[in-house]
Amino acid sequence: MSSTTTYKVSGMSCGHCEGAVTAEVKALPGVTDVTAVASTGLVTVTAEAPLDDETVRSAVDEAGYELVGRA
């Protein structure tokens, strides 16, 4: 059963930002879809099972942005 969670990410301002966050989060095991929207700062993640917030935070940090929390 898949799980979808939306996170608030600060620092995204353009399509390149969206791509960087999407690439890092999509590389996490079990992630099936990622939608990042710079204008709202929202990143919606669909995975095969619920993800640990700290795992997602690490991926967002790796992309150079900050996960503020769940939206």
Foldseek 3Di string as FASTA:
>chain_A
DKDKFKFAKPDQADPVLQVLLQVLQCPDPFWDDWGADRVRRMIMTMGPDDDDPVSSQVSNVVSPIGTPGTD
